[in-house]
N, C-alpha and C. Protein backbone atom coordinates (compact mmCIF):
# COMPACT_ATOMS: atom_id res chain seq x y z
N MET A 1 7.30 21.25 73.31
CA MET A 1 6.45 20.90 72.16
C MET A 1 7.14 21.64 71.03
N ARG A 2 6.42 21.09 69.47
CA ARG A 2 6.71 21.85 68.77
C ARG A 2 5.60 22.58 67.95
N HIS A 3 6.09 23.82 67.14
CA HIS A 3 5.06 24.80 66.74
C HIS A 3 5.11 24.55 65.36
N PRO A 4 3.60 24.45 64.94
CA PRO A 4 3.79 23.96 63.53
C PRO A 4 4.05 25.20 62.71
N PHE A 5 5.27 26.60 62.48
CA PHE A 5 5.00 27.18 62.22
C PHE A 5 5.97 26.95 60.59
N LEU A 6 6.71 27.58 59.45
CA LEU A 6 6.95 27.12 58.58
C LEU A 6 8.60 27.93 58.58
N SER A 7 8.95 27.32 58.03
CA SER A 7 10.61 27.59 57.95
C SER A 7 11.34 27.93 56.62
N LEU A 8 12.07 28.39 56.62
CA LEU A 8 13.18 28.07 54.92
C LEU A 8 14.20 27.34 55.11
N ALA A 9 15.00 26.29 54.78
CA ALA A 9 15.95 25.44 54.58
C ALA A 9 17.30 25.29 53.31
N MET A 10 18.01 25.02 53.57
CA MET A 10 18.88 24.80 52.44
C MET A 10 18.03 23.26 51.79
N ALA A 11 18.05 23.29 50.89
CA ALA A 11 17.71 22.00 50.78
C ALA A 11 18.73 20.56 50.87
N GLY A 12 18.56 19.60 51.14
CA GLY A 12 19.43 18.12 51.52
C GLY A 12 19.56 17.80 50.15
N ALA A 13 20.79 17.22 50.50
CA ALA A 13 21.68 16.27 49.73
C ALA A 13 20.48 15.56 48.23
N ALA A 14 19.85 15.44 48.71
CA ALA A 14 18.79 14.13 47.88
C ALA A 14 18.12 15.29 47.03
N LEU A 15 17.83 16.03 47.68
CA LEU A 15 17.05 17.40 47.36
C LEU A 15 18.20 18.13 45.96
N ALA A 16 18.85 18.31 46.60
CA ALA A 16 20.01 18.83 46.06
C ALA A 16 19.85 17.74 44.32
N ALA A 17 20.56 17.29 44.44
CA ALA A 17 20.48 15.96 43.55
C ALA A 17 19.84 15.68 42.33
N ALA A 18 18.36 16.01 43.35
CA ALA A 18 17.40 16.05 42.36
C ALA A 18 16.98 17.14 41.36
N THR A 19 17.91 18.45 42.08
CA THR A 19 17.80 19.67 41.50
C THR A 19 19.15 19.35 40.77
N SER A 20 19.35 19.18 39.52
CA SER A 20 20.77 18.77 38.95
C SER A 20 21.08 20.84 39.00
N SER A 21 20.35 21.59 38.26
CA SER A 21 20.94 23.15 38.13
C SER A 21 21.58 23.25 40.15
N ALA A 22 21.06 23.36 40.84
CA ALA A 22 20.92 24.01 41.84
C ALA A 22 22.22 23.53 42.99
N SER A 23 23.17 23.94 43.56
CA SER A 23 24.37 23.66 44.32
C SER A 23 24.43 23.77 45.64
N ALA A 24 24.45 22.86 46.87
CA ALA A 24 24.60 22.85 48.21
C ALA A 24 25.64 23.70 48.50
N LEU A 25 26.24 24.70 47.82
CA LEU A 25 27.30 25.87 47.92
C LEU A 25 26.37 26.93 48.35
N CYS A 26 25.17 27.24 49.23
CA CYS A 26 24.95 28.27 49.84
C CYS A 26 24.63 28.38 51.54
N ASN A 27 24.72 29.42 51.88
CA ASN A 27 24.41 29.65 53.10
C ASN A 27 23.08 30.11 53.70
N ILE A 28 22.32 29.53 54.19
CA ILE A 28 20.84 30.32 53.91
C ILE A 28 20.62 30.63 55.89
N SER A 29 20.22 31.58 55.92
CA SER A 29 20.10 31.91 57.60
C SER A 29 18.52 32.24 57.76
N ALA A 30 17.54 31.67 57.83
CA ALA A 30 15.91 32.02 57.88
C ALA A 30 15.57 31.91 59.30
N ARG A 31 14.78 33.25 59.03
CA ARG A 31 13.42 32.53 60.59
C ARG A 31 12.07 32.57 59.85
N PRO A 32 11.71 31.59 61.53
CA PRO A 32 10.33 30.88 61.07
C PRO A 32 9.22 32.03 60.57
N PHE A 33 8.17 31.57 59.68
CA PHE A 33 7.06 32.83 59.41
C PHE A 33 5.98 32.32 59.23
N VAL A 34 5.32 32.86 59.68
CA VAL A 34 3.68 31.97 59.88
C VAL A 34 2.80 31.99 58.37
N MET A 35 2.20 31.68 57.75
CA MET A 35 1.23 31.65 56.41
C MET A 35 0.16 32.58 56.56
N GLY A 36 0.50 33.68 55.75
CA GLY A 36 -0.06 35.05 55.77
C GLY A 36 0.72 35.38 56.55
N GLN A 37 2.02 35.69 57.02
CA GLN A 37 2.70 37.14 57.64
C GLN A 37 3.95 36.93 56.98
N PRO A 38 4.47 38.18 56.70
CA PRO A 38 5.81 38.06 56.15
C PRO A 38 7.35 37.37 56.72
N GLY A 39 8.23 37.29 55.70
CA GLY A 39 8.83 36.56 56.41
C GLY A 39 10.08 37.42 55.85
N ARG A 40 11.63 36.75 56.64
CA ARG A 40 12.96 37.86 55.76
C ARG A 40 14.01 35.95 55.76
N VAL A 41 14.61 36.55 54.89
CA VAL A 41 16.12 35.82 54.55
C VAL A 41 17.43 36.26 54.28
N ALA A 42 18.19 35.54 54.88
CA ALA A 42 19.56 35.66 54.16
C ALA A 42 20.08 34.77 54.10
N MET A 43 21.16 35.02 52.54
CA MET A 43 21.57 33.89 52.28
C MET A 43 23.06 34.42 51.73
N MET A 44 24.40 33.64 51.39
CA MET A 44 25.14 33.90 51.15
C MET A 44 25.52 32.76 49.70
N VAL A 45 25.88 33.69 48.82
CA VAL A 45 25.85 32.70 47.43
C VAL A 45 27.21 32.84 46.96
N ALA A 46 28.16 31.37 47.07
CA ALA A 46 29.56 32.11 46.70
C ALA A 46 29.80 31.23 44.64
N GLY A 47 28.99 32.06 43.97
CA GLY A 47 28.63 31.95 43.00
C GLY A 47 27.84 30.94 42.00
N GLU A 48 27.37 30.13 42.99
CA GLU A 48 26.46 28.79 42.34
C GLU A 48 25.41 29.00 41.93
N PRO A 49 24.25 28.52 41.69
CA PRO A 49 22.77 28.12 41.75
C PRO A 49 22.39 27.47 43.60
N CYS A 50 21.45 28.56 43.94
CA CYS A 50 20.94 28.33 45.24
C CYS A 50 20.10 27.92 45.21
N ARG A 51 19.04 26.78 45.93
CA ARG A 51 18.08 26.41 46.07
C ARG A 51 17.46 26.81 47.77
N ILE A 52 16.60 27.26 47.63
CA ILE A 52 15.91 27.87 49.02
C ILE A 52 14.50 26.90 48.72
N SER A 53 14.70 26.15 49.63
CA SER A 53 13.51 24.84 49.94
C SER A 53 12.57 25.51 51.48
N LEU A 54 11.38 25.72 50.98
CA LEU A 54 10.19 26.17 51.94
C LEU A 54 9.79 24.66 52.67
N GLN A 55 10.07 24.81 53.82
CA GLN A 55 9.81 23.62 54.60
C GLN A 55 8.66 23.89 55.32
N ALA A 56 7.49 22.82 55.68
CA ALA A 56 6.04 23.00 55.83
C ALA A 56 6.31 22.08 57.41
N GLY A 57 5.63 22.92 58.35
CA GLY A 57 5.37 22.30 59.45
C GLY A 57 3.80 21.24 60.11
N GLU A 58 3.93 21.11 60.62
CA GLU A 58 2.28 20.03 60.72
C GLU A 58 1.10 20.69 60.23
N ARG A 59 0.50 19.77 59.05
CA ARG A 59 -0.67 20.47 58.84
C ARG A 59 -0.40 21.54 57.71
N SER A 60 0.88 21.88 57.29
CA SER A 60 0.92 22.42 55.86
C SER A 60 0.70 22.25 54.70
N HIS A 61 -0.09 23.47 53.98
CA HIS A 61 0.35 22.84 52.33
C HIS A 61 0.17 24.29 51.49
N PHE A 62 1.07 23.69 50.70
CA PHE A 62 1.15 25.14 49.53
C PHE A 62 1.01 24.88 48.81
N GLU A 63 0.17 26.09 48.24
CA GLU A 63 -0.85 25.95 47.17
C GLU A 63 -0.50 27.05 45.86
N ALA A 64 0.72 27.93 45.78
CA ALA A 64 0.81 28.67 44.82
C ALA A 64 2.47 29.17 45.50
N LEU A 65 3.69 29.51 44.34
CA LEU A 65 4.57 30.28 44.55
C LEU A 65 4.94 30.98 43.84
N GLN A 66 5.18 32.35 43.60
CA GLN A 66 5.65 33.19 42.58
C GLN A 66 6.92 34.61 43.09
N VAL A 67 7.47 34.37 42.11
CA VAL A 67 8.55 35.84 41.84
C VAL A 67 7.54 36.89 42.02
N VAL A 68 7.40 37.93 43.07
CA VAL A 68 7.50 39.20 43.13
C VAL A 68 8.46 40.21 42.77
N GLU A 69 9.53 40.27 42.97
CA GLU A 69 10.32 41.28 42.61
C GLU A 69 11.63 40.55 42.64
N ARG A 70 12.03 40.83 40.71
CA ARG A 70 13.69 40.26 40.25
C ARG A 70 14.38 40.81 41.12
N PRO A 71 15.41 39.51 41.00
CA PRO A 71 17.04 40.27 41.39
C PRO A 71 17.84 40.83 40.20
N ARG A 72 18.06 42.33 41.00
CA ARG A 72 18.93 43.10 39.75
C ARG A 72 20.69 42.33 39.49
N GLY A 73 21.06 41.43 40.57
CA GLY A 73 22.43 40.60 39.94
C GLY A 73 22.19 39.51 40.13
N GLY A 74 21.29 38.75 39.69
CA GLY A 74 21.06 37.49 39.39
C GLY A 74 19.76 37.20 38.93
N ARG A 75 19.76 35.88 38.46
CA ARG A 75 18.31 35.15 37.99
C ARG A 75 17.38 34.50 39.20
N VAL A 76 16.57 34.12 39.56
CA VAL A 76 15.78 33.31 40.04
C VAL A 76 14.12 32.89 38.94
N VAL A 77 13.91 31.36 39.66
CA VAL A 77 13.22 30.54 39.30
C VAL A 77 12.42 29.49 40.11
N PRO A 78 11.38 29.89 40.14
CA PRO A 78 10.49 28.76 40.61
C PRO A 78 11.00 27.57 40.58
N ASP A 79 10.88 26.54 41.65
CA ASP A 79 10.84 25.23 41.69
C ASP A 79 9.98 24.71 42.21
N GLY A 80 8.85 24.06 41.67
CA GLY A 80 7.26 23.87 42.26
C GLY A 80 6.94 24.60 42.75
N ARG A 81 6.16 24.19 44.19
CA ARG A 81 5.30 25.02 44.74
C ARG A 81 6.07 25.21 46.02
N THR A 82 7.11 24.70 46.22
CA THR A 82 8.42 24.94 47.61
C THR A 82 9.60 25.36 47.76
N GLY A 83 9.82 26.23 46.50
CA GLY A 83 11.22 26.43 46.54
C GLY A 83 11.53 27.18 45.25
N VAL A 84 12.55 27.68 45.08
CA VAL A 84 13.47 29.00 44.34
C VAL A 84 14.55 28.88 44.03
N VAL A 85 15.46 28.53 43.02
CA VAL A 85 16.27 28.46 42.47
C VAL A 85 17.16 30.02 42.26
N TYR A 86 17.94 31.17 43.00
CA TYR A 86 18.80 31.80 42.61
C TYR A 86 20.38 31.66 42.48
N THR A 87 20.20 31.87 41.27
CA THR A 87 21.66 31.98 40.50
C THR A 87 22.22 33.50 40.30
N PRO A 88 23.51 34.02 40.59
CA PRO A 88 24.01 34.81 40.66
C PRO A 88 24.53 35.64 38.95
N ARG A 89 24.56 36.64 38.42
CA ARG A 89 24.75 36.39 37.08
C ARG A 89 26.21 36.32 37.10
N PRO A 90 27.17 35.55 35.75
CA PRO A 90 28.30 35.35 35.95
C PRO A 90 28.98 36.98 36.25
N GLY A 91 30.13 36.86 37.18
CA GLY A 91 30.89 37.90 36.97
C GLY A 91 30.54 38.52 38.56
N PHE A 92 29.30 38.90 38.77
CA PHE A 92 28.23 39.64 39.79
C PHE A 92 28.62 39.25 41.01
N ALA A 93 29.17 40.43 41.93
CA ALA A 93 29.60 40.28 43.55
C ALA A 93 28.66 41.67 44.08
N GLY A 94 28.40 41.13 45.23
CA GLY A 94 27.55 42.12 45.90
C GLY A 94 26.62 41.52 46.71
N ARG A 95 25.38 42.96 46.79
CA ARG A 95 24.74 42.37 47.41
C ARG A 95 23.14 42.90 46.84
N ASP A 96 21.96 41.61 46.57
CA ASP A 96 21.33 41.71 45.75
C ASP A 96 19.82 41.27 46.32
N ARG A 97 18.73 41.30 46.32
CA ARG A 97 17.19 40.98 46.68
C ARG A 97 16.48 41.07 45.78
N PHE A 98 15.48 39.71 46.23
CA PHE A 98 14.06 39.50 45.82
C PHE A 98 13.50 39.21 46.73
N VAL A 99 11.81 39.47 45.88
CA VAL A 99 10.53 38.75 47.22
C VAL A 99 10.21 37.90 46.20
N ILE A 100 9.79 36.53 47.32
CA ILE A 100 8.87 35.83 46.63
C ILE A 100 7.52 35.99 47.36
N ALA A 101 6.68 35.46 47.00
CA ALA A 101 4.92 35.05 47.48
C ALA A 101 5.05 33.57 47.49
N VAL A 102 4.27 33.58 48.94
CA VAL A 102 3.67 32.19 48.88
C VAL A 102 2.38 31.86 49.40
N THR A 103 1.73 31.03 48.54
CA THR A 103 0.10 30.62 49.22
C THR A 103 -0.04 29.43 50.00
N GLY A 104 -0.51 29.30 51.24
CA GLY A 104 -1.04 28.38 51.84
C GLY A 104 -2.11 28.64 53.01
N THR A 105 -2.25 27.00 53.80
CA THR A 105 -2.07 27.05 54.89
C THR A 105 -1.76 26.53 55.87
N SER A 106 -1.64 26.89 57.01
CA SER A 106 -1.31 25.57 58.15
C SER A 106 -2.46 25.73 59.17
N SER A 107 -1.58 24.83 60.15
CA SER A 107 -2.98 24.55 61.64
C SER A 107 -2.74 26.01 62.08
N ILE A 108 -1.47 26.97 62.13
CA ILE A 108 -1.83 28.87 62.67
C ILE A 108 -2.03 30.01 61.54
N GLY A 109 -2.26 29.59 60.19
CA GLY A 109 -2.61 30.86 59.75
C GLY A 109 -2.76 30.42 58.00
N SER A 110 -3.18 31.32 57.20
CA SER A 110 -2.98 30.63 55.84
C SER A 110 -2.93 31.88 55.20
N GLY A 111 -3.18 32.13 54.14
CA GLY A 111 -3.27 33.26 53.09
C GLY A 111 -1.63 32.94 52.37
N THR A 112 -1.56 34.68 52.18
CA THR A 112 -0.03 34.66 50.87
C THR A 112 1.07 35.62 52.10
N SER A 113 2.04 34.85 51.73
CA SER A 113 2.74 35.66 52.91
C SER A 113 4.26 35.92 51.61
N GLU A 114 4.74 36.97 51.84
CA GLU A 114 5.90 37.52 51.33
C GLU A 114 7.30 37.81 51.85
N LEU A 115 7.99 36.26 50.93
CA LEU A 115 9.39 36.54 51.71
C LEU A 115 10.46 37.36 51.10
N HIS A 116 11.10 38.60 52.26
CA HIS A 116 12.05 39.50 51.22
C HIS A 116 13.39 38.60 51.47
N VAL A 117 13.98 38.49 50.28
CA VAL A 117 15.44 37.38 50.75
C VAL A 117 16.82 37.81 49.98
N ASP A 118 17.15 38.23 51.59
CA ASP A 118 18.63 39.35 50.97
C ASP A 118 20.01 38.10 50.45
N VAL A 119 20.26 38.86 49.78
CA VAL A 119 22.04 38.01 48.99
C VAL A 119 22.88 38.66 48.99
N ASP A 120 24.04 37.45 49.52
CA ASP A 120 25.24 38.54 49.28
C ASP A 120 26.46 37.76 48.70
N VAL A 121 26.78 38.13 47.42
CA VAL A 121 27.67 37.11 46.57
C VAL A 121 28.80 38.05 46.74
N PRO A 122 29.70 37.30 47.58
CA PRO A 122 31.60 38.10 47.73
C PRO A 122 31.93 37.50 46.37
N GLN A 123 32.99 38.41 46.76
CA GLN A 123 33.94 38.47 45.29
C GLN A 123 34.55 37.44 45.18
N ALA A 124 34.70 36.73 43.57
CA ALA A 124 35.26 36.02 43.54
C ALA A 124 37.28 35.97 43.44
N ARG A 125 37.31 34.60 44.16
CA ARG A 125 39.06 34.57 44.45
C ARG A 125 39.80 34.13 43.74
């Protein structure tokens, strides 16, 4: 049985090609979340832009996405209603974080979810 929850995932090659500023050189560890409830994401970025893509389960619809808390060590911009692109500042290394809010409906929940994103940017070698 498939559960109709939402999850976050790294954009596929076709999507990464469509968003020219985003690179697939990022590692995202996501936990499923239910629309209307909070969620948490951890990601490692190798100094390049990284797209976080919201993947909807069955009968899910995204209505809005906004950045609630901006990162200090980089920049995050919405990419439509289903993703954001995080870009670390040149020379930045360390931990960063930001919060996005996504609003929508699904078969098991509706409302706004705040997703807390923890970012690790390793020192360049």
